[in-house]
Structure formats: C-alpha cells, structure tokens
Amino acid sequence: MVELAERYFHGWGIARSHVAANRWYQRAARREAPGGYFGLGRAALLGYGVPRDGERALEWLRRLAESGPHALDEETFGVFCLPHSRALALRLLRGFVLFDRNPPGSSGQIEALRSLFPC
C-alpha cells in the first residue's frame, strides 16, 4: 500500500495525485504501517492534498516514532525533545520530509530523525 501511495505522491508511472496518495497512506496507517504514518504526517505538515496542520502532522509522526520493531522512546525522538519550541520542531520536520531520501517508515528514516533531533 505504501509503495502505491508513493507512486501516486511522486507520479511514478501513474498520474500524480496527493489526494489518491493520502487515501493509500490512510489504508496503510489503518494497518499500522510506518510508511502510512509518515505519508500522512508529511501531507499534514506540508499541505499535500490536505490543509496544513502542524499538530496533526506531529501526531502522525509520533505514531511513526512509536511503531514497529524500531519503536522510539520519548528520549530518542526529537519532537518530544523540543516541547518548548513546537515551531522549531515543525520547521526542522518540514526540511526533513522535503529532503530525506529513505523509504517512508524505514529504519534509515528513523535513524535520520534521531540524528536530526538529538536530546
């Protein structure tokens, strides 16, 4: 599901549609796929197919941080490390989701988040 969502998101071999991508990310998230959480967080953070909503983005990215065999605790995931500066956390996350090249929800992506938000 996440692979299909990414194809829609980027327009890889299929018409680009953030709305369709979000439907597939939502299906993946319902099945607790980390890539679904990331896709929905990115959409909310940057306004891809949905209105921008920083709080919703942080909620999805927290789910990503807490999911799967690579689950992160609050000391590891930086959004929790920056409670005094949500604006800074959102600005850093915007840059991260724009430039990170790891597959959505992958352990490489989780490691990149850890390095971005050291506690």
C-alpha atoms as a PDB file:
ATOM      1  CA  MET A   1       0.000   0.000   0.000  1.00  0.00           C
ATOM      2  CA  VAL A   2       2.767   2.438   0.873  1.00  0.00           C
ATOM      3  CA  GLU A   3       4.511   1.715  -2.426  1.00  0.00           C
ATOM      4  CA  LEU A   4       1.338   2.547  -4.341  1.00  0.00           C
ATOM      5  CA  ALA A   5       0.869   5.689  -2.245  1.00  0.00           C
ATOM      6  CA  GLU A   6       4.419   6.760  -3.067  1.00  0.00           C
ATOM      7  CA  ARG A   7       3.785   6.187  -6.764  1.00  0.00           C
ATOM      8  CA  TYR A   8       0.763   8.498  -6.600  1.00  0.00           C
ATOM      9  CA  PHE A   9       2.641  11.012  -4.472  1.00  0.00           C
ATOM     10  CA  HIS A  10       5.610  11.288  -6.857  1.00  0.00           C
ATOM     11  CA  GLY A  11       3.806  10.478 -10.108  1.00  0.00           C
ATOM     12  CA  TRP A  12       5.979   7.446 -10.794  1.00  0.00           C
ATOM     13  CA  GLY A  13       4.330   5.623 -13.706  1.00  0.00           C
ATOM     14  CA  ILE A  14       0.916   6.946 -12.696  1.00  0.00           C
ATOM     15  CA  ALA A  15      -0.806  10.338 -12.674  1.00  0.00           C
ATOM     16  CA  ARG A  16       0.446  12.366  -9.707  1.00  0.00           C
ATOM     17  CA  SER A  17      -2.267  12.818  -7.093  1.00  0.00           C
ATOM     18  CA  HIS A  18      -1.668  13.748  -3.483  1.00  0.00           C
ATOM     19  CA  VAL A  19      -5.307  13.051  -2.686  1.00  0.00           C
ATOM     20  CA  ALA A  20      -5.040   9.480  -4.017  1.00  0.00           C
ATOM     21  CA  ALA A  21      -1.695   9.071  -2.250  1.00  0.00           C
ATOM     22  CA  ASN A  22      -3.279  10.109   1.047  1.00  0.00           C
ATOM     23  CA  ARG A  23      -6.064   7.533   0.607  1.00  0.00           C
ATOM     24  CA  TRP A  24      -3.430   4.798   0.266  1.00  0.00           C
ATOM     25  CA  TYR A  25      -1.369   6.167   3.172  1.00  0.00           C
ATOM     26  CA  GLN A  26      -4.556   6.153   5.260  1.00  0.00           C
ATOM     27  CA  ARG A  27      -5.191   2.499   4.391  1.00  0.00           C
ATOM     28  CA  ALA A  28      -1.596   1.672   5.285  1.00  0.00           C
ATOM     29  CA  ALA A  29      -1.858   3.581   8.579  1.00  0.00           C
ATOM     30  CA  ARG A  30      -5.012   1.656   9.496  1.00  0.00           C
ATOM     31  CA  ARG A  31      -2.856  -1.459   9.179  1.00  0.00           C
ATOM     32  CA  GLU A  32      -0.203   0.216  11.346  1.00  0.00           C
ATOM     33  CA  ALA A  33       2.358   0.508   8.535  1.00  0.00           C
ATOM     34  CA  PRO A  34       5.042   3.051   9.496  1.00  0.00           C
ATOM     35  CA  GLY A  35       5.163   4.369   5.919  1.00  0.00           C
ATOM     36  CA  GLY A  36       1.481   5.242   6.159  1.00  0.00           C
ATOM     37  CA  TYR A  37       2.122   7.291   9.281  1.00  0.00           C
ATOM     38  CA  PHE A  38       4.981   9.106   7.577  1.00  0.00           C
ATOM     39  CA  GLY A  39       2.977   9.835   4.429  1.00  0.00           C
ATOM     40  CA  LEU A  40       0.088  11.282   6.398  1.00  0.00           C
ATOM     41  CA  GLY A  41       2.447  13.292   8.591  1.00  0.00           C
ATOM     42  CA  ARG A  42       4.207  14.715   5.536  1.00  0.00           C
ATOM     43  CA  ALA A  43       0.859  15.575   3.933  1.00  0.00           C
ATOM     44  CA  ALA A  44      -0.378  17.412   7.036  1.00  0.00           C
ATOM     45  CA  LEU A  45       2.945  19.154   7.584  1.00  0.00           C
ATOM     46  CA  LEU A  46       3.311  20.477   4.050  1.00  0.00           C
ATOM     47  CA  GLY A  47      -0.300  20.603   2.856  1.00  0.00           C
ATOM     48  CA  TYR A  48      -0.111  17.864   0.228  1.00  0.00           C
ATOM     49  CA  GLY A  49      -3.735  17.072  -0.613  1.00  0.00           C
ATOM     50  CA  VAL A  50      -4.972  18.289   2.778  1.00  0.00           C
ATOM     51  CA  PRO A  51      -4.889  21.603   4.658  1.00  0.00           C
ATOM     52  CA  ARG A  52      -1.637  22.247   6.543  1.00  0.00           C
ATOM     53  CA  ASP A  53      -1.976  21.172  10.150  1.00  0.00           C
ATOM     54  CA  GLY A  54       1.171  21.057  12.264  1.00  0.00           C
ATOM     55  CA  GLU A  55      -0.483  19.419  15.248  1.00  0.00           C
ATOM     56  CA  ARG A  56      -1.923  16.644  13.083  1.00  0.00           C
ATOM     57  CA  ALA A  57       1.481  16.187  11.436  1.00  0.00           C
ATOM     58  CA  LEU A  58       3.150  15.795  14.818  1.00  0.00           C
ATOM     59  CA  GLU A  59       0.504  13.251  15.821  1.00  0.00           C
ATOM     60  CA  TRP A  60       1.205  11.108  12.734  1.00  0.00           C
ATOM     61  CA  LEU A  61       4.966  11.435  13.161  1.00  0.00           C
ATOM     62  CA  ARG A  62       4.666  10.423  16.813  1.00  0.00           C
ATOM     63  CA  ARG A  63       2.852   7.294  15.667  1.00  0.00           C
ATOM     64  CA  LEU A  64       5.714   6.660  13.257  1.00  0.00           C
ATOM     65  CA  ALA A  65       8.200   7.100  16.082  1.00  0.00           C
ATOM     66  CA  GLU A  66       6.306   4.633  18.276  1.00  0.00           C
ATOM     67  CA  SER A  67       5.668   1.992  15.616  1.00  0.00           C
ATOM     68  CA  GLY A  68       7.247  -1.253  14.583  1.00  0.00           C
ATOM     69  CA  PRO A  69      10.339  -3.083  15.767  1.00  0.00           C
ATOM     70  CA  HIS A  70      12.317   0.171  15.729  1.00  0.00           C
ATOM     71  CA  ALA A  71       9.947   1.888  18.170  1.00  0.00           C
ATOM     72  CA  LEU A  72      11.454   5.016  19.627  1.00  0.00           C
ATOM     73  CA  ASP A  73      11.042   6.312  23.123  1.00  0.00           C
ATOM     74  CA  GLU A  74      10.490   9.935  24.030  1.00  0.00           C
ATOM     75  CA  GLU A  75      14.178  10.485  24.737  1.00  0.00           C
ATOM     76  CA  THR A  76      15.098   9.391  21.222  1.00  0.00           C
ATOM     77  CA  PHE A  77      12.513  11.132  19.054  1.00  0.00           C
ATOM     78  CA  GLY A  78      13.176  14.847  18.864  1.00  0.00           C
ATOM     79  CA  VAL A  79       9.636  16.173  18.656  1.00  0.00           C
ATOM     80  CA  PHE A  80       9.320  15.084  22.265  1.00  0.00           C
ATOM     81  CA  CYS A  81      12.725  16.650  22.988  1.00  0.00           C
ATOM     82  CA  LEU A  82      11.545  20.096  21.873  1.00  0.00           C
ATOM     83  CA  PRO A  83       8.309  20.696  23.796  1.00  0.00           C
ATOM     84  CA  HIS A  84       9.270  24.323  24.439  1.00  0.00           C
ATOM     85  CA  SER A  85       9.603  25.019  20.715  1.00  0.00           C
ATOM     86  CA  ARG A  86       6.944  23.398  18.566  1.00  0.00           C
ATOM     87  CA  ALA A  87       7.623  25.970  15.842  1.00  0.00           C
ATOM     88  CA  LEU A  88      11.265  24.888  15.646  1.00  0.00           C
ATOM     89  CA  ALA A  89      10.263  21.216  15.603  1.00  0.00           C
ATOM     90  CA  LEU A  90       7.832  21.840  12.747  1.00  0.00           C
ATOM     91  CA  ARG A  91      10.402  23.849  10.778  1.00  0.00           C
ATOM     92  CA  LEU A  92      13.008  21.094  11.136  1.00  0.00           C
ATOM     93  CA  LEU A  93      10.463  18.430  10.211  1.00  0.00           C
ATOM     94  CA  ARG A  94       9.454  20.355   7.082  1.00  0.00           C
ATOM     95  CA  GLY A  95      13.063  20.321   5.940  1.00  0.00           C
ATOM     96  CA  PHE A  96      13.397  16.668   6.830  1.00  0.00           C
ATOM     97  CA  VAL A  97      10.375  15.482   4.870  1.00  0.00           C
ATOM     98  CA  LEU A  98      11.412  17.535   1.853  1.00  0.00           C
ATOM     99  CA  PHE A  99      14.969  16.216   1.678  1.00  0.00           C
ATOM    100  CA  ASP A 100      15.052  12.766   3.317  1.00  0.00           C
ATOM    101  CA  ARG A 101      15.684  10.059   0.717  1.00  0.00           C
ATOM    102  CA  ASN A 102      14.991   6.999   2.890  1.00  0.00           C
ATOM    103  CA  PRO A 103      11.891   4.889   2.170  1.00  0.00           C
ATOM    104  CA  PRO A 104       8.900   6.063   4.239  1.00  0.00           C
ATOM    105  CA  GLY A 105       8.826   4.424   7.645  1.00  0.00           C
ATOM    106  CA  SER A 106      12.141   2.643   7.130  1.00  0.00           C
ATOM    107  CA  SER A 107      14.739   2.165   9.836  1.00  0.00           C
ATOM    108  CA  GLY A 108      17.003   4.514   7.824  1.00  0.00           C
ATOM    109  CA  GLN A 109      14.377   7.216   8.077  1.00  0.00           C
ATOM    110  CA  ILE A 110      14.008   6.637  11.808  1.00  0.00           C
ATOM    111  CA  GLU A 111      17.784   6.929  12.245  1.00  0.00           C
ATOM    112  CA  ALA A 112      17.755  10.165  10.249  1.00  0.00           C
ATOM    113  CA  LEU A 113      15.072  11.557  12.572  1.00  0.00           C
ATOM    114  CA  ARG A 114      17.161  10.555  15.580  1.00  0.00           C
ATOM    115  CA  SER A 115      20.151  12.440  14.226  1.00  0.00           C
ATOM    116  CA  LEU A 116      18.033  15.496  13.399  1.00  0.00           C
ATOM    117  CA  PHE A 117      16.599  15.705  16.923  1.00  0.00           C
ATOM    118  CA  PRO A 118      19.299  14.699  19.410  1.00  0.00           C
ATOM    119  CA  CYS A 119      18.228  15.053  23.017  1.00  0.00           C
END
